[in-house]
């Protein structure tokens, strides 16, 4: 692979600025007026504008995908073909989590058939965690991408070049996915039935 260091550094700084200002909509900012499918797709593209300009043609979500979520009971059914705040909150969480977790796992985090107040509580907490995690992620990228960004203070774990950074991001994503899935397996368990907690030596 052949990467231009100045281009990569510029893109990293640009993405950092974008993410520093990015936040999911609050519960009260989500419209509750009843939107049709086409309007929902446009709204979600605005809410989840992660893609860089050169990839904007890629679909974040489609009508078929939303219909499938409803059919498989991952989210509530629309009311007379209209989607309200509760539906949009489900879709925001599903769309952001499905980049890492399987839909079956996501359905455990945001279960169906719960009161709207509980969905609000889950969504509020999720959007807060989303913002904090962005800040944590940016701090980590600043550290490991130090050589690419020409930082004076370089840590030992820094990526030496762009290929290194891609590899580290991929490994980090893999471990994050594994940790989330492992923790979800502990739901409803305790020390009597949750498996060993003994520290093993390799």
Protein backbone atom coordinates (compact mmCIF):
# COMPACT_ATOMS: atom_id res chain seq x y z
CA UNK A 1 0.00 0.00 0.00
CA UNK A 2 1.13 3.53 -0.72
CA UNK A 3 -0.11 6.39 1.47
CA UNK A 4 0.76 10.08 1.30
CA UNK A 5 1.60 11.06 4.88
CA UNK A 6 0.53 14.69 4.48
CA UNK A 7 -2.81 13.66 3.01
CA UNK A 8 -3.45 11.12 5.78
CA UNK A 9 -2.48 13.65 8.48
CA UNK A 10 -4.80 16.25 6.96
CA UNK A 11 -7.68 13.77 6.80
CA UNK A 12 -7.10 12.72 10.42
CA UNK A 13 -7.21 16.34 11.58
CA UNK A 14 -10.33 17.01 9.51
CA UNK A 15 -12.09 13.93 10.87
CA UNK A 16 -11.05 14.85 14.40
CA UNK A 17 -12.65 18.28 14.07
CA UNK A 18 -15.80 16.75 12.62
CA UNK A 19 -16.12 14.20 15.44
CA UNK A 20 -15.42 16.81 18.12
CA UNK A 21 -18.55 18.64 17.00
CA UNK A 22 -20.65 15.55 16.25
CA UNK A 23 -23.37 14.34 18.59
CA UNK A 24 -26.44 12.20 18.33
CA UNK A 25 -29.73 14.07 18.68
CA UNK A 26 -31.17 14.25 22.17
CA UNK A 27 -34.47 12.50 22.82
CA UNK A 28 -36.37 15.82 22.68
CA UNK A 29 -34.66 16.78 19.41
CA UNK A 30 -36.04 13.70 17.67
CA UNK A 31 -39.32 14.58 15.88
CA UNK A 32 -42.47 12.94 17.20
CA UNK A 33 -44.86 14.04 14.47
CA UNK A 34 -45.09 10.83 12.45
CA UNK A 35 -42.77 10.54 9.44
CA UNK A 36 -43.05 8.33 6.38
CA UNK A 37 -40.31 5.94 5.30
CA UNK A 38 -38.68 8.31 2.79
CA UNK A 39 -38.50 11.05 5.43
CA UNK A 40 -37.03 8.64 7.98
CA UNK A 41 -34.22 7.62 5.64
CA UNK A 42 -33.32 11.27 4.95
CA UNK A 43 -33.39 12.06 8.69
CA UNK A 44 -31.17 9.11 9.58
CA UNK A 45 -28.64 10.16 6.95
CA UNK A 46 -28.47 13.56 8.65
CA UNK A 47 -28.18 12.05 12.13
CA UNK A 48 -25.58 9.44 11.20
CA UNK A 49 -23.39 11.35 8.79
CA UNK A 50 -20.23 9.36 9.48
CA UNK A 51 -19.27 8.79 5.87
CA UNK A 52 -16.67 11.06 4.25
CA UNK A 53 -17.87 13.09 1.22
CA UNK A 54 -16.38 10.69 -1.33
CA UNK A 55 -18.49 7.82 0.06
CA UNK A 56 -21.80 9.64 0.46
CA UNK A 57 -23.45 7.53 -2.24
CA UNK A 58 -23.29 4.50 0.04
CA UNK A 59 -26.55 3.83 1.85
CA UNK A 60 -26.50 4.09 5.64
CA UNK A 61 -29.90 2.42 5.77
CA UNK A 62 -32.60 1.44 3.29
CA UNK A 63 -36.36 0.96 3.39
CA UNK A 64 -35.84 -2.79 3.00
CA UNK A 65 -33.55 -2.84 6.03
CA UNK A 66 -36.04 -0.95 8.20
CA UNK A 67 -38.87 -3.23 7.08
CA UNK A 68 -36.72 -6.22 7.99
CA UNK A 69 -36.08 -4.81 11.49
CA UNK A 70 -39.84 -4.43 11.97
CA UNK A 71 -40.62 -7.88 10.53
CA UNK A 72 -38.06 -9.60 12.78
CA UNK A 73 -39.28 -7.56 15.78
CA UNK A 74 -36.00 -5.77 16.41
CA UNK A 75 -37.96 -2.51 16.68
CA UNK A 76 -41.64 -1.52 17.07
CA UNK A 77 -43.98 -1.45 14.09
CA UNK A 78 -44.84 1.93 12.56
CA UNK A 79 -48.24 3.40 13.33
CA UNK A 80 -50.26 3.56 10.09
CA UNK A 81 -46.97 3.59 8.14
CA UNK A 82 -45.67 6.51 10.20
CA UNK A 83 -42.58 6.48 12.40
CA UNK A 84 -42.41 8.43 15.66
CA UNK A 85 -39.71 9.35 18.17
CA UNK A 86 -39.54 5.88 19.68
CA UNK A 87 -38.99 4.29 16.25
CA UNK A 88 -36.28 6.79 15.32
CA UNK A 89 -34.49 6.26 18.64
CA UNK A 90 -34.40 2.51 17.99
CA UNK A 91 -33.07 3.09 14.48
CA UNK A 92 -30.34 5.49 15.61
CA UNK A 93 -29.07 2.97 18.17
CA UNK A 94 -29.37 0.01 15.81
CA UNK A 95 -27.57 1.79 12.96
CA UNK A 96 -24.66 2.91 15.13
CA UNK A 97 -24.23 -0.45 16.87
CA UNK A 98 -24.62 -2.69 13.82
CA UNK A 99 -21.21 -1.56 12.58
CA UNK A 100 -19.76 -3.83 15.27
CA UNK A 101 -22.43 -6.09 16.77
CA UNK A 102 -24.81 -8.61 15.16
CA UNK A 103 -28.48 -7.61 15.17
CA UNK A 104 -29.33 -10.52 17.50
CA UNK A 105 -26.94 -9.11 20.09
CA UNK A 106 -28.21 -5.55 19.65
CA UNK A 107 -31.76 -6.74 20.38
CA UNK A 108 -30.59 -7.75 23.87
CA UNK A 109 -29.27 -4.25 24.54
CA UNK A 110 -32.46 -2.53 23.37
CA UNK A 111 -35.26 -5.08 23.87
CA UNK A 112 -38.73 -4.86 22.39
CA UNK A 113 -42.02 -4.39 24.25
CA UNK A 114 -40.71 -2.01 26.89
CA UNK A 115 -42.41 1.26 27.94
CA UNK A 116 -41.45 4.41 26.07
CA UNK A 117 -40.00 5.84 29.30
CA UNK A 118 -37.57 2.91 29.39
CA UNK A 119 -36.63 3.42 25.73
CA UNK A 120 -35.96 7.09 26.56
CA UNK A 121 -33.74 6.09 29.49
CA UNK A 122 -31.77 3.66 27.32
CA UNK A 123 -31.47 6.18 24.49
CA UNK A 124 -30.39 9.06 26.75
CA UNK A 125 -27.69 6.92 28.30
CA UNK A 126 -26.62 5.60 24.90
CA UNK A 127 -26.28 9.07 23.36
CA UNK A 128 -24.25 10.25 26.38
CA UNK A 129 -21.94 7.23 26.13
CA UNK A 130 -21.65 7.81 22.39
CA UNK A 131 -20.32 11.34 22.92
CA UNK A 132 -17.91 10.30 25.68
CA UNK A 133 -16.63 7.40 23.61
CA UNK A 134 -15.95 9.71 20.67
CA UNK A 135 -13.79 11.88 22.95
CA UNK A 136 -11.94 8.83 24.27
CA UNK A 137 -11.44 7.52 20.73
CA UNK A 138 -9.99 10.84 19.56
CA UNK A 139 -7.53 10.90 22.46
CA UNK A 140 -6.34 7.41 21.58
CA UNK A 141 -5.95 8.29 17.90
CA UNK A 142 -3.93 11.39 18.79
CA UNK A 143 -1.60 9.17 20.80
CA UNK A 144 -1.12 6.29 18.38
CA UNK A 145 -1.03 8.49 15.27
CA UNK A 146 1.64 10.75 16.76
CA UNK A 147 4.32 10.00 14.13
CA UNK A 148 1.84 10.62 11.30
CA UNK A 149 0.69 13.89 12.87
CA UNK A 150 4.29 14.93 13.65
CA UNK A 151 3.70 15.19 17.39
CA UNK A 152 6.77 15.87 19.50
CA UNK A 153 5.87 13.41 22.24
CA UNK A 154 5.70 9.92 20.73
CA UNK A 155 4.67 6.94 22.84
CA UNK A 156 6.16 3.49 22.35
CA UNK A 157 2.82 2.09 21.18
CA UNK A 158 2.47 4.66 18.37
CA UNK A 159 1.80 3.55 14.82
CA UNK A 160 4.89 4.05 12.68
CA UNK A 161 2.89 4.70 9.52
CA UNK A 162 -0.63 4.56 8.04
CA UNK A 163 -0.57 0.80 7.48
CA UNK A 164 0.35 0.39 11.13
CA UNK A 165 -2.54 2.65 12.17
CA UNK A 166 -5.03 0.69 10.03
CA UNK A 167 -3.83 -2.56 11.60
CA UNK A 168 -4.10 -1.16 15.13
CA UNK A 169 -7.60 0.22 14.52
CA UNK A 170 -8.71 -3.15 13.14
CA UNK A 171 -7.30 -5.05 16.13
CA UNK A 172 -8.84 -2.55 18.57
CA UNK A 173 -12.24 -2.90 16.90
CA UNK A 174 -11.98 -6.68 17.13
CA UNK A 175 -11.16 -6.65 20.84
CA UNK A 176 -13.94 -4.11 21.52
CA UNK A 177 -16.47 -6.34 19.75
CA UNK A 178 -15.26 -9.39 21.66
CA UNK A 179 -15.45 -7.59 25.01
CA UNK A 180 -19.00 -6.35 24.35
CA UNK A 181 -20.17 -9.85 23.40
CA UNK A 182 -18.44 -11.47 26.38
CA UNK A 183 -20.02 -9.00 28.80
CA UNK A 184 -23.48 -9.57 27.31
CA UNK A 185 -23.10 -13.30 28.00
CA UNK A 186 -22.95 -12.45 31.72
CA UNK A 187 -26.46 -10.97 31.74
CA UNK A 188 -28.52 -12.65 34.48
CA UNK A 189 -25.52 -14.63 35.78
CA UNK A 190 -23.70 -14.47 39.12
CA UNK A 191 -20.68 -16.12 40.73
CA UNK A 192 -22.55 -19.42 41.05
CA UNK A 193 -23.36 -19.89 37.37
CA UNK A 194 -21.29 -17.35 35.46
CA UNK A 195 -18.18 -19.43 34.97
CA UNK A 196 -14.74 -19.21 36.50
CA UNK A 197 -13.18 -15.89 37.49
CA UNK A 198 -9.85 -17.48 38.38
CA UNK A 199 -6.88 -15.64 36.91
CA UNK A 200 -5.04 -18.05 34.66
CA UNK A 201 -1.39 -17.87 33.73
CA UNK A 202 -0.42 -18.47 30.15
